Amino acid sequence: RRVHGGTAMFERMLSLTDEYVCNTSAHLDLVRIAPSSESFQARMWERMGIPVARIPHTMFAVKLPEDPTRWAQGESTPEMARHGLLVKYMHEFVAAKANCKVVPAEVFASLG
């Protein structure tokens, strides 16, 4: 994930825990509705007056077949197979291709 801003904004962003712990009752509704920790974090920042914008996927995770994993086992794609890699989360791979407007085979071909 990426964050852009000045020093003052970063200090406010890092105080998210203080805001939640010191004022828990005001934020309990977010615990119930936020589907993930990242979503909770974004909604807390919005409440704290910190602008939040979603950036489309432009990256995706890969793994070697022998890498241990607790989550995604990985899926083979023609683009990654020639490098001996598996795509961990196919939805990220598909989104990255669409958002980057680049066919990965062309990118890898340019690497030699």
PDB file of N, CA and C in Angstrom:
ATOM      1  N   ARG A   1       0.842  -1.180   0.000  1.00  0.00           N
ATOM      2  CA  ARG A   1       0.000   0.000   0.000  1.00  0.00           C
ATOM      3  C   ARG A   1       0.876   1.227   0.000  1.00  0.00           C
ATOM      4  N   ARG A   2       0.332   2.320  -0.533  1.00  0.00           N
ATOM      5  CA  ARG A   2       1.107   3.554  -0.598  1.00  0.00           C
ATOM      6  C   ARG A   2       0.359   4.682   0.094  1.00  0.00           C
ATOM      7  N   VAL A   3       1.132   5.593   0.652  1.00  0.00           N
ATOM      8  CA  VAL A   3       0.571   6.768   1.308  1.00  0.00           C
ATOM      9  C   VAL A   3       1.378   7.975   0.860  1.00  0.00           C
ATOM     10  N   HIS A   4       0.681   9.054   0.558  1.00  0.00           N
ATOM     11  CA  HIS A   4       1.341  10.300   0.152  1.00  0.00           C
ATOM     12  C   HIS A   4       0.895  11.403   1.092  1.00  0.00           C
ATOM     13  N   GLY A   5       1.821  12.235   1.522  1.00  0.00           N
ATOM     14  CA  GLY A   5       1.459  13.355   2.370  1.00  0.00           C
ATOM     15  C   GLY A   5       2.663  13.923   3.081  1.00  0.00           C
ATOM     16  N   GLY A   6       2.439  15.016   3.777  1.00  0.00           N
ATOM     17  CA  GLY A   6       3.501  15.673   4.522  1.00  0.00           C
ATOM     18  C   GLY A   6       3.673  15.079   5.907  1.00  0.00           C
ATOM     19  N   THR A   7       4.674  15.564   6.606  1.00  0.00           N
ATOM     20  CA  THR A   7       5.011  15.069   7.938  1.00  0.00           C
ATOM     21  C   THR A   7       3.836  15.170   8.903  1.00  0.00           C
ATOM     22  N   ALA A   8       3.158  16.294   8.898  1.00  0.00           N
ATOM     23  CA  ALA A   8       2.035  16.481   9.822  1.00  0.00           C
ATOM     24  C   ALA A   8       0.944  15.447   9.575  1.00  0.00           C
ATOM     25  N   MET A   9       0.700  15.143   8.298  1.00  0.00           N
ATOM     26  CA  MET A   9      -0.328  14.155   7.983  1.00  0.00           C
ATOM     27  C   MET A   9       0.098  12.770   8.466  1.00  0.00           C
ATOM     28  N   PHE A  10       1.370  12.433   8.284  1.00  0.00           N
ATOM     29  CA  PHE A  10       1.851  11.125   8.741  1.00  0.00           C
ATOM     30  C   PHE A  10       1.721  10.989  10.257  1.00  0.00           C
ATOM     31  N   GLU A  11       2.020  12.043  10.974  1.00  0.00           N
ATOM     32  CA  GLU A  11       1.882  11.998  12.428  1.00  0.00           C
ATOM     33  C   GLU A  11       0.427  11.751  12.815  1.00  0.00           C
ATOM     34  N   ARG A  12      -0.506  12.408  12.134  1.00  0.00           N
ATOM     35  CA  ARG A  12      -1.931  12.183  12.408  1.00  0.00           C
ATOM     36  C   ARG A  12      -2.337  10.765  12.041  1.00  0.00           C
ATOM     37  N   MET A  13      -1.824  10.263  10.905  1.00  0.00           N
ATOM     38  CA  MET A  13      -2.160   8.906  10.478  1.00  0.00           C
ATOM     39  C   MET A  13      -1.668   7.882  11.494  1.00  0.00           C
ATOM     40  N   LEU A  14      -0.478   8.113  12.011  1.00  0.00           N
ATOM     41  CA  LEU A  14       0.080   7.177  12.979  1.00  0.00           C
ATOM     42  C   LEU A  14      -0.632   7.241  14.326  1.00  0.00           C
ATOM     43  N   SER A  15      -1.384   8.305  14.558  1.00  0.00           N
ATOM     44  CA  SER A  15      -2.123   8.411  15.819  1.00  0.00           C
ATOM     45  C   SER A  15      -3.478   7.711  15.748  1.00  0.00           C
ATOM     46  N   LEU A  16      -3.722   6.947  14.698  1.00  0.00           N
ATOM     47  CA  LEU A  16      -4.983   6.221  14.552  1.00  0.00           C
ATOM     48  C   LEU A  16      -5.265   5.354  15.772  1.00  0.00           C
ATOM     49  N   THR A  17      -4.271   4.676  16.291  1.00  0.00           N
ATOM     50  CA  THR A  17      -4.462   3.808  17.456  1.00  0.00           C
ATOM     51  C   THR A  17      -4.870   4.633  18.668  1.00  0.00           C
ATOM     52  N   ASP A  18      -4.216   5.775  18.876  1.00  0.00           N
ATOM     53  CA  ASP A  18      -4.592   6.636  19.999  1.00  0.00           C
ATOM     54  C   ASP A  18      -6.053   7.055  19.879  1.00  0.00           C
ATOM     55  N   GLU A  19      -6.444   7.469  18.683  1.00  0.00           N
ATOM     56  CA  GLU A  19      -7.822   7.910  18.457  1.00  0.00           C
ATOM     57  C   GLU A  19      -8.804   6.784  18.767  1.00  0.00           C
ATOM     58  N   TYR A  20      -8.488   5.578  18.316  1.00  0.00           N
ATOM     59  CA  TYR A  20      -9.413   4.458  18.535  1.00  0.00           C
ATOM     60  C   TYR A  20      -9.446   4.040  20.003  1.00  0.00           C
ATOM     61  N   VAL A  21      -8.284   3.907  20.617  1.00  0.00           N
ATOM     62  CA  VAL A  21      -8.220   3.443  22.006  1.00  0.00           C
ATOM     63  C   VAL A  21      -8.816   4.470  22.959  1.00  0.00           C
ATOM     64  N   CYS A  22      -8.527   5.719  22.728  1.00  0.00           N
ATOM     65  CA  CYS A  22      -9.005   6.768  23.638  1.00  0.00           C
ATOM     66  C   CYS A  22     -10.472   7.131  23.425  1.00  0.00           C
ATOM     67  N   ASN A  23     -11.035   6.713  22.296  1.00  0.00           N
ATOM     68  CA  ASN A  23     -12.415   7.078  21.980  1.00  0.00           C
ATOM     69  C   ASN A  23     -13.131   5.883  21.346  1.00  0.00           C
ATOM     70  N   THR A  24     -12.948   4.711  21.929  1.00  0.00           N
ATOM     71  CA  THR A  24     -13.454   3.459  21.363  1.00  0.00           C
ATOM     72  C   THR A  24     -14.947   3.488  21.082  1.00  0.00           C
ATOM     73  N   SER A  25     -15.730   3.959  22.022  1.00  0.00           N
ATOM     74  CA  SER A  25     -17.188   3.906  21.857  1.00  0.00           C
ATOM     75  C   SER A  25     -17.659   4.671  20.624  1.00  0.00           C
ATOM     76  N   ALA A  26     -16.940   5.711  20.236  1.00  0.00           N
ATOM     77  CA  ALA A  26     -17.330   6.498  19.063  1.00  0.00           C
ATOM     78  C   ALA A  26     -17.037   5.773  17.753  1.00  0.00           C
ATOM     79  N   HIS A  27     -16.245   4.707  17.815  1.00  0.00           N
ATOM     80  CA  HIS A  27     -15.829   4.035  16.585  1.00  0.00           C
ATOM     81  C   HIS A  27     -16.228   2.565  16.519  1.00  0.00           C
ATOM     82  N   LEU A  28     -17.010   2.091  17.471  1.00  0.00           N
ATOM     83  CA  LEU A  28     -17.407   0.681  17.474  1.00  0.00           C
ATOM     84  C   LEU A  28     -18.184   0.293  16.229  1.00  0.00           C
ATOM     85  N   ASP A  29     -18.935   1.225  15.649  1.00  0.00           N
ATOM     86  CA  ASP A  29     -19.690   0.906  14.442  1.00  0.00           C
ATOM     87  C   ASP A  29     -18.763   0.479  13.305  1.00  0.00           C
ATOM     88  N   LEU A  30     -17.559   1.034  13.240  1.00  0.00           N
ATOM     89  CA  LEU A  30     -16.623   0.649  12.179  1.00  0.00           C
ATOM     90  C   LEU A  30     -16.153  -0.788  12.342  1.00  0.00           C
ATOM     91  N   VAL A  31     -16.006  -1.217  13.557  1.00  0.00           N
ATOM     92  CA  VAL A  31     -15.578  -2.595  13.808  1.00  0.00           C
ATOM     93  C   VAL A  31     -16.595  -3.559  13.203  1.00  0.00           C
ATOM     94  N   ARG A  32     -17.876  -3.193  13.291  1.00  0.00           N
ATOM     95  CA  ARG A  32     -18.925  -4.072  12.774  1.00  0.00           C
ATOM     96  C   ARG A  32     -19.046  -4.040  11.249  1.00  0.00           C
ATOM     97  N   ILE A  33     -18.755  -2.882  10.633  1.00  0.00           N
ATOM     98  CA  ILE A  33     -19.021  -2.761   9.188  1.00  0.00           C
ATOM     99  C   ILE A  33     -17.777  -2.859   8.301  1.00  0.00           C
ATOM    100  N   ALA A  34     -16.604  -2.636   8.854  1.00  0.00           N
ATOM    101  CA  ALA A  34     -15.395  -2.679   8.025  1.00  0.00           C
ATOM    102  C   ALA A  34     -15.019  -4.143   7.762  1.00  0.00           C
ATOM    103  N   PRO A  35     -14.951  -4.551   6.495  1.00  0.00           N
ATOM    104  CA  PRO A  35     -14.690  -5.962   6.176  1.00  0.00           C
ATOM    105  C   PRO A  35     -13.231  -6.387   6.375  1.00  0.00           C
ATOM    106  N   SER A  36     -12.314  -5.435   6.530  1.00  0.00           N
ATOM    107  CA  SER A  36     -10.905  -5.788   6.696  1.00  0.00           C
ATOM    108  C   SER A  36     -10.209  -4.714   7.511  1.00  0.00           C
ATOM    109  N   SER A  37      -9.012  -5.022   7.965  1.00  0.00           N
ATOM    110  CA  SER A  37      -8.256  -4.033   8.739  1.00  0.00           C
ATOM    111  C   SER A  37      -7.927  -2.811   7.879  1.00  0.00           C
ATOM    112  N   GLU A  38      -7.663  -3.021   6.584  1.00  0.00           N
ATOM    113  CA  GLU A  38      -7.370  -1.892   5.707  1.00  0.00           C
ATOM    114  C   GLU A  38      -8.585  -0.993   5.537  1.00  0.00           C
ATOM    115  N   SER A  39      -9.746  -1.593   5.425  1.00  0.00           N
ATOM    116  CA  SER A  39     -10.977  -0.816   5.297  1.00  0.00           C
ATOM    117  C   SER A  39     -11.245  -0.032   6.580  1.00  0.00           C
ATOM    118  N   PHE A  40     -11.039  -0.683   7.726  1.00  0.00           N
ATOM    119  CA  PHE A  40     -11.208  -0.011   9.017  1.00  0.00           C
ATOM    120  C   PHE A  40     -10.266   1.193   9.098  1.00  0.00           C
ATOM    121  N   GLN A  41      -9.017   0.972   8.732  1.00  0.00           N
ATOM    122  CA  GLN A  41      -8.011   2.029   8.776  1.00  0.00           C
ATOM    123  C   GLN A  41      -8.423   3.209   7.889  1.00  0.00           C
ATOM    124  N   ALA A  42      -8.857   2.937   6.677  1.00  0.00           N
ATOM    125  CA  ALA A  42      -9.270   4.001   5.759  1.00  0.00           C
ATOM    126  C   ALA A  42     -10.453   4.784   6.328  1.00  0.00           C
ATOM    127  N   ARG A  43     -11.418   4.080   6.889  1.00  0.00           N
ATOM    128  CA  ARG A  43     -12.600   4.764   7.434  1.00  0.00           C
ATOM    129  C   ARG A  43     -12.256   5.586   8.678  1.00  0.00           C
ATOM    130  N   MET A  44     -11.332   5.084   9.485  1.00  0.00           N
ATOM    131  CA  MET A  44     -10.886   5.860  10.643  1.00  0.00           C
ATOM    132  C   MET A  44     -10.192   7.140  10.176  1.00  0.00           C
ATOM    133  N   TRP A  45      -9.322   7.016   9.191  1.00  0.00           N
ATOM    134  CA  TRP A  45      -8.629   8.203   8.679  1.00  0.00           C
ATOM    135  C   TRP A  45      -9.626   9.219   8.136  1.00  0.00           C
ATOM    136  N   GLU A  46     -10.652   8.742   7.424  1.00  0.00           N
ATOM    137  CA  GLU A  46     -11.665   9.657   6.908  1.00  0.00           C
ATOM    138  C   GLU A  46     -12.335  10.406   8.056  1.00  0.00           C
ATOM    139  N   ARG A  47     -12.659   9.688   9.127  1.00  0.00           N
ATOM    140  CA  ARG A  47     -13.276  10.333  10.292  1.00  0.00           C
ATOM    141  C   ARG A  47     -12.334  11.336  10.945  1.00  0.00           C
ATOM    142  N   MET A  48     -11.052  11.082  10.844  1.00  0.00           N
ATOM    143  CA  MET A  48     -10.053  11.974  11.440  1.00  0.00           C
ATOM    144  C   MET A  48      -9.742  13.156  10.518  1.00  0.00           C
ATOM    145  N   GLY A  49     -10.430  13.235   9.364  1.00  0.00           N
ATOM    146  CA  GLY A  49     -10.232  14.327   8.426  1.00  0.00           C
ATOM    147  C   GLY A  49      -9.021  14.158   7.520  1.00  0.00           C
ATOM    148  N   ILE A  50      -8.524  12.929   7.411  1.00  0.00           N
ATOM    149  CA  ILE A  50      -7.379  12.646   6.552  1.00  0.00           C
ATOM    150  C   ILE A  50      -7.918  12.117   5.226  1.00  0.00           C
ATOM    151  N   PRO A  51      -7.606  12.770   4.112  1.00  0.00           N
ATOM    152  CA  PRO A  51      -8.135  12.312   2.814  1.00  0.00           C
ATOM    153  C   PRO A  51      -7.595  10.936   2.437  1.00  0.00           C
ATOM    154  N   VAL A  52      -8.497  10.092   1.961  1.00  0.00           N
ATOM    155  CA  VAL A  52      -8.151   8.737   1.560  1.00  0.00           C
ATOM    156  C   VAL A  52      -8.637   8.514   0.136  1.00  0.00           C
ATOM    157  N   ALA A  53      -7.771   7.965  -0.704  1.00  0.00           N
ATOM    158  CA  ALA A  53      -8.147   7.633  -2.075  1.00  0.00           C
ATOM    159  C   ALA A  53      -7.665   6.221  -2.386  1.00  0.00           C
ATOM    160  N   ARG A  54      -8.487   5.475  -3.075  1.00  0.00           N
ATOM    161  CA  ARG A  54      -8.116   4.114  -3.462  1.00  0.00           C
ATOM    162  C   ARG A  54      -7.326   4.177  -4.767  1.00  0.00           C
ATOM    163  N   ILE A  55      -6.229   3.453  -4.793  1.00  0.00           N
ATOM    164  CA  ILE A  55      -5.389   3.388  -5.983  1.00  0.00           C
ATOM    165  C   ILE A  55      -5.603   2.017  -6.618  1.00  0.00           C
ATOM    166  N   PRO A  56      -5.910   1.965  -7.908  1.00  0.00           N
ATOM    167  CA  PRO A  56      -6.140   0.670  -8.553  1.00  0.00           C
ATOM    168  C   PRO A  56      -4.893  -0.229  -8.485  1.00  0.00           C
ATOM    169  N   HIS A  57      -5.144  -1.535  -8.457  1.00  0.00           N
ATOM    170  CA  HIS A  57      -4.043  -2.501  -8.440  1.00  0.00           C
ATOM    171  C   HIS A  57      -3.124  -2.298  -9.639  1.00  0.00           C
ATOM    172  N   THR A  58      -1.842  -2.187  -9.370  1.00  0.00           N
ATOM    173  CA  THR A  58      -0.852  -2.163 -10.436  1.00  0.00           C
ATOM    174  C   THR A  58       0.256  -3.167 -10.154  1.00  0.00           C
ATOM    175  N   MET A  59       0.067  -3.961  -9.097  1.00  0.00           N
ATOM    176  CA  MET A  59       1.044  -4.987  -8.728  1.00  0.00           C
ATOM    177  C   MET A  59       0.287  -6.261  -8.375  1.00  0.00           C
ATOM    178  N   PHE A  60       1.004  -7.363  -8.360  1.00  0.00           N
ATOM    179  CA  PHE A  60       0.404  -8.617  -7.949  1.00  0.00           C
ATOM    180  C   PHE A  60       1.483  -9.463  -7.281  1.00  0.00           C
ATOM    181  N   ALA A  61       1.048 -10.384  -6.429  1.00  0.00           N
ATOM    182  CA  ALA A  61       1.973 -11.233  -5.674  1.00  0.00           C
ATOM    183  C   ALA A  61       2.215 -12.544  -6.415  1.00  0.00           C
ATOM    184  N   VAL A  62       3.474 -12.995  -6.375  1.00  0.00           N
ATOM    185  CA  VAL A  62       3.842 -14.280  -6.967  1.00  0.00           C
ATOM    186  C   VAL A  62       4.578 -15.111  -5.927  1.00  0.00           C
ATOM    187  N   LYS A  63       4.734 -16.394  -6.212  1.00  0.00           N
ATOM    188  CA  LYS A  63       5.473 -17.286  -5.327  1.00  0.00           C
ATOM    189  C   LYS A  63       6.107 -18.390  -6.143  1.00  0.00           C
ATOM    190  N   LEU A  64       7.135 -18.984  -5.586  1.00  0.00           N
ATOM    191  CA  LEU A  64       7.701 -20.193  -6.171  1.00  0.00           C
ATOM    192  C   LEU A  64       6.819 -21.366  -5.772  1.00  0.00           C
ATOM    193  N   PRO A  65       6.722 -22.393  -6.604  1.00  0.00           N
ATOM    194  CA  PRO A  65       5.866 -23.537  -6.261  1.00  0.00           C
ATOM    195  C   PRO A  65       6.205 -24.148  -4.900  1.00  0.00           C
ATOM    196  N   GLU A  66       7.475 -24.122  -4.510  1.00  0.00           N
ATOM    197  CA  GLU A  66       7.870 -24.752  -3.246  1.00  0.00           C
ATOM    198  C   GLU A  66       7.758 -23.820  -2.031  1.00  0.00           C
ATOM    199  N   ASP A  67       7.402 -22.552  -2.249  1.00  0.00           N
ATOM    200  CA  ASP A  67       7.257 -21.637  -1.119  1.00  0.00           C
ATOM    201  C   ASP A  67       6.131 -22.083  -0.200  1.00  0.00           C
ATOM    202  N   PRO A  68       6.387 -22.112   1.109  1.00  0.00           N
ATOM    203  CA  PRO A  68       5.293 -22.445   2.036  1.00  0.00           C
ATOM    204  C   PRO A  68       4.289 -21.292   2.060  1.00  0.00           C
ATOM    205  N   THR A  69       3.050 -21.619   2.266  1.00  0.00           N
ATOM    206  CA  THR A  69       2.022 -20.582   2.298  1.00  0.00           C
ATOM    207  C   THR A  69       0.899 -21.011   3.223  1.00  0.00           C
ATOM    208  N   ARG A  70       0.285 -20.026   3.857  1.00  0.00           N
ATOM    209  CA  ARG A  70      -0.877 -20.312   4.695  1.00  0.00           C
ATOM    210  C   ARG A  70      -2.158 -19.962   3.962  1.00  0.00           C
ATOM    211  N   TRP A  71      -2.047 -19.181   2.882  1.00  0.00           N
ATOM    212  CA  TRP A  71      -3.242 -18.706   2.205  1.00  0.00           C
ATOM    213  C   TRP A  71      -3.320 -19.264   0.794  1.00  0.00           C
ATOM    214  N   ALA A  72      -2.880 -18.490  -0.157  1.00  0.00           N
ATOM    215  CA  ALA A  72      -3.037 -18.866  -1.563  1.00  0.00           C
ATOM    216  C   ALA A  72      -1.980 -19.872  -1.999  1.00  0.00           C
ATOM    217  N   GLN A  73      -2.422 -20.930  -2.636  1.00  0.00           N
ATOM    218  CA  GLN A  73      -1.496 -21.942  -3.152  1.00  0.00           C
ATOM    219  C   GLN A  73      -0.825 -21.476  -4.437  1.00  0.00           C
ATOM    220  N   GLY A  74      -1.461 -20.552  -5.142  1.00  0.00           N
ATOM    221  CA  GLY A  74      -0.912 -20.027  -6.387  1.00  0.00           C
ATOM    222  C   GLY A  74      -1.512 -20.703  -7.599  1.00  0.00           C
ATOM    223  N   GLU A  75      -1.618 -19.933  -8.666  1.00  0.00           N
ATOM    224  CA  GLU A  75      -2.148 -20.449  -9.926  1.00  0.00           C
ATOM    225  C   GLU A  75      -1.146 -20.172 -11.034  1.00  0.00           C
ATOM    226  N   SER A  76      -1.088 -21.095 -11.983  1.00  0.00           N
ATOM    227  CA  SER A  76      -0.169 -20.952 -13.106  1.00  0.00           C
ATOM    228  C   SER A  76      -0.796 -20.090 -14.192  1.00  0.00           C
ATOM    229  N   THR A  77       0.034 -19.259 -14.790  1.00  0.00           N
ATOM    230  CA  THR A  77      -0.366 -18.484 -15.967  1.00  0.00           C
ATOM    231  C   THR A  77       0.757 -18.634 -16.983  1.00  0.00           C
ATOM    232  N   PRO A  78       0.457 -18.526 -18.261  1.00  0.00           N
ATOM    233  CA  PRO A  78       1.521 -18.637 -19.265  1.00  0.00           C
ATOM    234  C   PRO A  78       2.636 -17.614 -19.050  1.00  0.00           C
ATOM    235  N   GLU A  79       2.249 -16.395 -18.643  1.00  0.00           N
ATOM    236  CA  GLU A  79       3.252 -15.347 -18.458  1.00  0.00           C
ATOM    237  C   GLU A  79       4.227 -15.672 -17.330  1.00  0.00           C
ATOM    238  N   MET A  80       3.727 -16.245 -16.254  1.00  0.00           N
ATOM    239  CA  MET A  80       4.571 -16.520 -15.088  1.00  0.00           C
ATOM    240  C   MET A  80       5.243 -17.894 -15.151  1.00  0.00           C
ATOM    241  N   ALA A  81       4.614 -18.835 -15.840  1.00  0.00           N
ATOM    242  CA  ALA A  81       5.143 -20.205 -15.901  1.00  0.00           C
ATOM    243  C   ALA A  81       6.550 -20.245 -16.487  1.00  0.00           C
ATOM    244  N   ARG A  82       6.813 -19.424 -17.477  1.00  0.00           N
ATOM    245  CA  ARG A  82       8.145 -19.449 -18.085  1.00  0.00           C
ATOM    246  C   ARG A  82       9.229 -18.948 -17.142  1.00  0.00           C
ATOM    247  N   HIS A  83       8.810 -18.314 -16.046  1.00  0.00           N
ATOM    248  CA  HIS A  83       9.755 -17.846 -15.027  1.00  0.00           C
ATOM    249  C   HIS A  83       9.708 -18.719 -13.778  1.00  0.00           C
ATOM    250  N   GLY A  84       8.916 -19.798 -13.843  1.00  0.00           N
ATOM    251  CA  GLY A  84       8.807 -20.705 -12.706  1.00  0.00           C
ATOM    252  C   GLY A  84       8.038 -20.134 -11.532  1.00  0.00           C
ATOM    253  N   LEU A  85       7.140 -19.189 -11.798  1.00  0.00           N
ATOM    254  CA  LEU A  85       6.383 -18.530 -10.734  1.00  0.00           C
ATOM    255  C   LEU A  85       4.901 -18.836 -10.832  1.00  0.00           C
ATOM    256  N   LEU A  86       4.237 -18.766  -9.699  1.00  0.00           N
ATOM    257  CA  LEU A  86       2.781 -18.889  -9.631  1.00  0.00           C
ATOM    258  C   LEU A  86       2.204 -17.555  -9.170  1.00  0.00           C
ATOM    259  N   VAL A  87       1.040 -17.209  -9.659  1.00  0.00           N
ATOM    260  CA  VAL A  87       0.338 -16.001  -9.223  1.00  0.00           C
ATOM    261  C   VAL A  87      -0.428 -16.355  -7.960  1.00  0.00           C
ATOM    262  N   LYS A  88      -0.174 -15.617  -6.873  1.00  0.00           N
ATOM    263  CA  LYS A  88      -0.835 -15.924  -5.599  1.00  0.00           C
ATOM    264  C   LYS A  88      -2.319 -15.569  -5.618  1.00  0.00           C
ATOM    265  N   TYR A  89      -2.649 -14.389  -6.087  1.00  0.00           N
ATOM    266  CA  TYR A  89      -4.042 -13.931  -6.072  1.00  0.00           C
ATOM    267  C   TYR A  89      -4.425 -13.509  -7.486  1.00  0.00           C
ATOM    268  N   MET A  90      -5.166 -14.350  -8.171  1.00  0.00           N
ATOM    269  CA  MET A  90      -5.483 -14.119  -9.578  1.00  0.00           C
ATOM    270  C   MET A  90      -6.210 -12.795  -9.793  1.00  0.00           C
ATOM    271  N   HIS A  91      -7.070 -12.395  -8.867  1.00  0.00           N
ATOM    272  CA  HIS A  91      -7.792 -11.130  -9.048  1.00  0.00           C
ATOM    273  C   HIS A  91      -6.819  -9.948  -9.093  1.00  0.00           C
ATOM    274  N   GLU A  92      -5.710 -10.011  -8.351  1.00  0.00           N
ATOM    275  CA  GLU A  92      -4.710  -8.945  -8.412  1.00  0.00           C
ATOM    276  C   GLU A  92      -4.008  -8.944  -9.777  1.00  0.00           C
ATOM    277  N   PHE A  93      -3.686 -10.127 -10.266  1.00  0.00           N
ATOM    278  CA  PHE A  93      -3.011 -10.265 -11.554  1.00  0.00           C
ATOM    279  C   PHE A  93      -3.877  -9.694 -12.676  1.00  0.00           C
ATOM    280  N   VAL A  94      -5.149 -10.064 -12.681  1.00  0.00           N
ATOM    281  CA  VAL A  94      -6.081  -9.586 -13.713  1.00  0.00           C
ATOM    282  C   VAL A  94      -6.244  -8.069 -13.610  1.00  0.00           C
ATOM    283  N   ALA A  95      -6.399  -7.564 -12.393  1.00  0.00           N
ATOM    284  CA  ALA A  95      -6.566  -6.118 -12.206  1.00  0.00           C
ATOM    285  C   ALA A  95      -5.307  -5.361 -12.609  1.00  0.00           C
ATOM    286  N   ALA A  96      -4.139  -5.892 -12.269  1.00  0.00           N
ATOM    287  CA  ALA A  96      -2.883  -5.224 -12.632  1.00  0.00           C
ATOM    288  C   ALA A  96      -2.740  -5.147 -14.151  1.00  0.00           C
ATOM    289  N   LYS A  97      -3.071  -6.231 -14.837  1.00  0.00           N
ATOM    290  CA  LYS A  97      -3.000  -6.197 -16.306  1.00  0.00           C
ATOM    291  C   LYS A  97      -3.929  -5.137 -16.864  1.00  0.00           C
ATOM    292  N   ALA A  98      -5.147  -5.070 -16.346  1.00  0.00           N
ATOM    293  CA  ALA A  98      -6.122  -4.101 -16.853  1.00  0.00           C
ATOM    294  C   ALA A  98      -5.720  -2.668 -16.511  1.00  0.00           C
ATOM    295  N   ASN A  99      -5.262  -2.449 -15.280  1.00  0.00           N
ATOM    296  CA  ASN A  99      -4.931  -1.090 -14.838  1.00  0.00           C
ATOM    297  C   ASN A  99      -3.634  -0.573 -15.421  1.00  0.00           C
ATOM    298  N   CYS A 100      -2.709  -1.445 -15.716  1.00  0.00           N
ATOM    299  CA  CYS A 100      -1.430  -1.015 -16.283  1.00  0.00           C
ATOM    300  C   CYS A 100      -1.492  -0.918 -17.800  1.00  0.00           C
ATOM    301  N   LYS A 101      -2.541  -1.468 -18.389  1.00  0.00           N
ATOM    302  CA  LYS A 101      -2.698  -1.455 -19.842  1.00  0.00           C
ATOM    303  C   LYS A 101      -1.497  -2.100 -20.534  1.00  0.00           C
ATOM    304  N   VAL A 102      -0.912  -3.088 -19.871  1.00  0.00           N
ATOM    305  CA  VAL A 102       0.270  -3.783 -20.408  1.00  0.00           C
ATOM    306  C   VAL A 102       0.014  -5.271 -20.347  1.00  0.00           C
ATOM    307  N   VAL A 103       0.396  -5.947 -21.397  1.00  0.00           N
ATOM    308  CA  VAL A 103       0.309  -7.413 -21.403  1.00  0.00           C
ATOM    309  C   VAL A 103       1.614  -7.919 -20.777  1.00  0.00           C
ATOM    310  N   PRO A 104       1.545  -8.637 -19.627  1.00  0.00           N
ATOM    311  CA  PRO A 104       2.767  -9.072 -18.959  1.00  0.00           C
ATOM    312  C   PRO A 104       3.748  -9.812 -19.851  1.00  0.00           C
ATOM    313  N   ALA A 105       3.284 -10.560 -20.818  1.00  0.00           N
ATOM    314  CA  ALA A 105       4.192 -11.304 -21.714  1.00  0.00           C
ATOM    315  C   ALA A 105       5.133 -10.318 -22.422  1.00  0.00           C
ATOM    316  N   GLU A 106       4.602  -9.157 -22.802  1.00  0.00           N
ATOM    317  CA  GLU A 106       5.428  -8.144 -23.454  1.00  0.00           C
ATOM    318  C   GLU A 106       6.484  -7.595 -22.493  1.00  0.00           C
ATOM    319  N   VAL A 107       6.092  -7.423 -21.244  1.00  0.00           N
ATOM    320  CA  VAL A 107       7.027  -6.910 -20.245  1.00  0.00           C
ATOM    321  C   VAL A 107       8.145  -7.913 -20.032  1.00  0.00           C
ATOM    322  N   PHE A 108       7.791  -9.178 -19.812  1.00  0.00           N
ATOM    323  CA  PHE A 108       8.800 -10.196 -19.552  1.00  0.00           C
ATOM    324  C   PHE A 108       9.676 -10.468 -20.763  1.00  0.00           C
ATOM    325  N   ALA A 109       9.107 -10.350 -21.953  1.00  0.00           N
ATOM    326  CA  ALA A 109       9.901 -10.550 -23.166  1.00  0.00           C
ATOM    327  C   ALA A 109      10.997  -9.484 -23.254  1.00  0.00           C
ATOM    328  N   SER A 110      10.688  -8.294 -22.793  1.00  0.00           N
ATOM    329  CA  SER A 110      11.674  -7.211 -22.840  1.00  0.00           C
ATOM    330  C   SER A 110      12.809  -7.415 -21.838  1.00  0.00           C
ATOM    331  N   LEU A 111      12.596  -8.284 -20.840  1.00  0.00           N
ATOM    332  CA  LEU A 111      13.632  -8.561 -19.843  1.00  0.00           C
ATOM    333  C   LEU A 111      14.649  -9.573 -20.327  1.00  0.00           C
ATOM    334  N   GLY A 112      14.311 -10.260 -21.406  1.00  0.00           N
ATOM    335  CA  GLY A 112      15.236 -11.241 -21.956  1.00  0.00           C
ATOM    336  C   GLY A 112      14.970 -12.554 -21.411  1.00  0.00           C
TER     337      GLY A 112
END
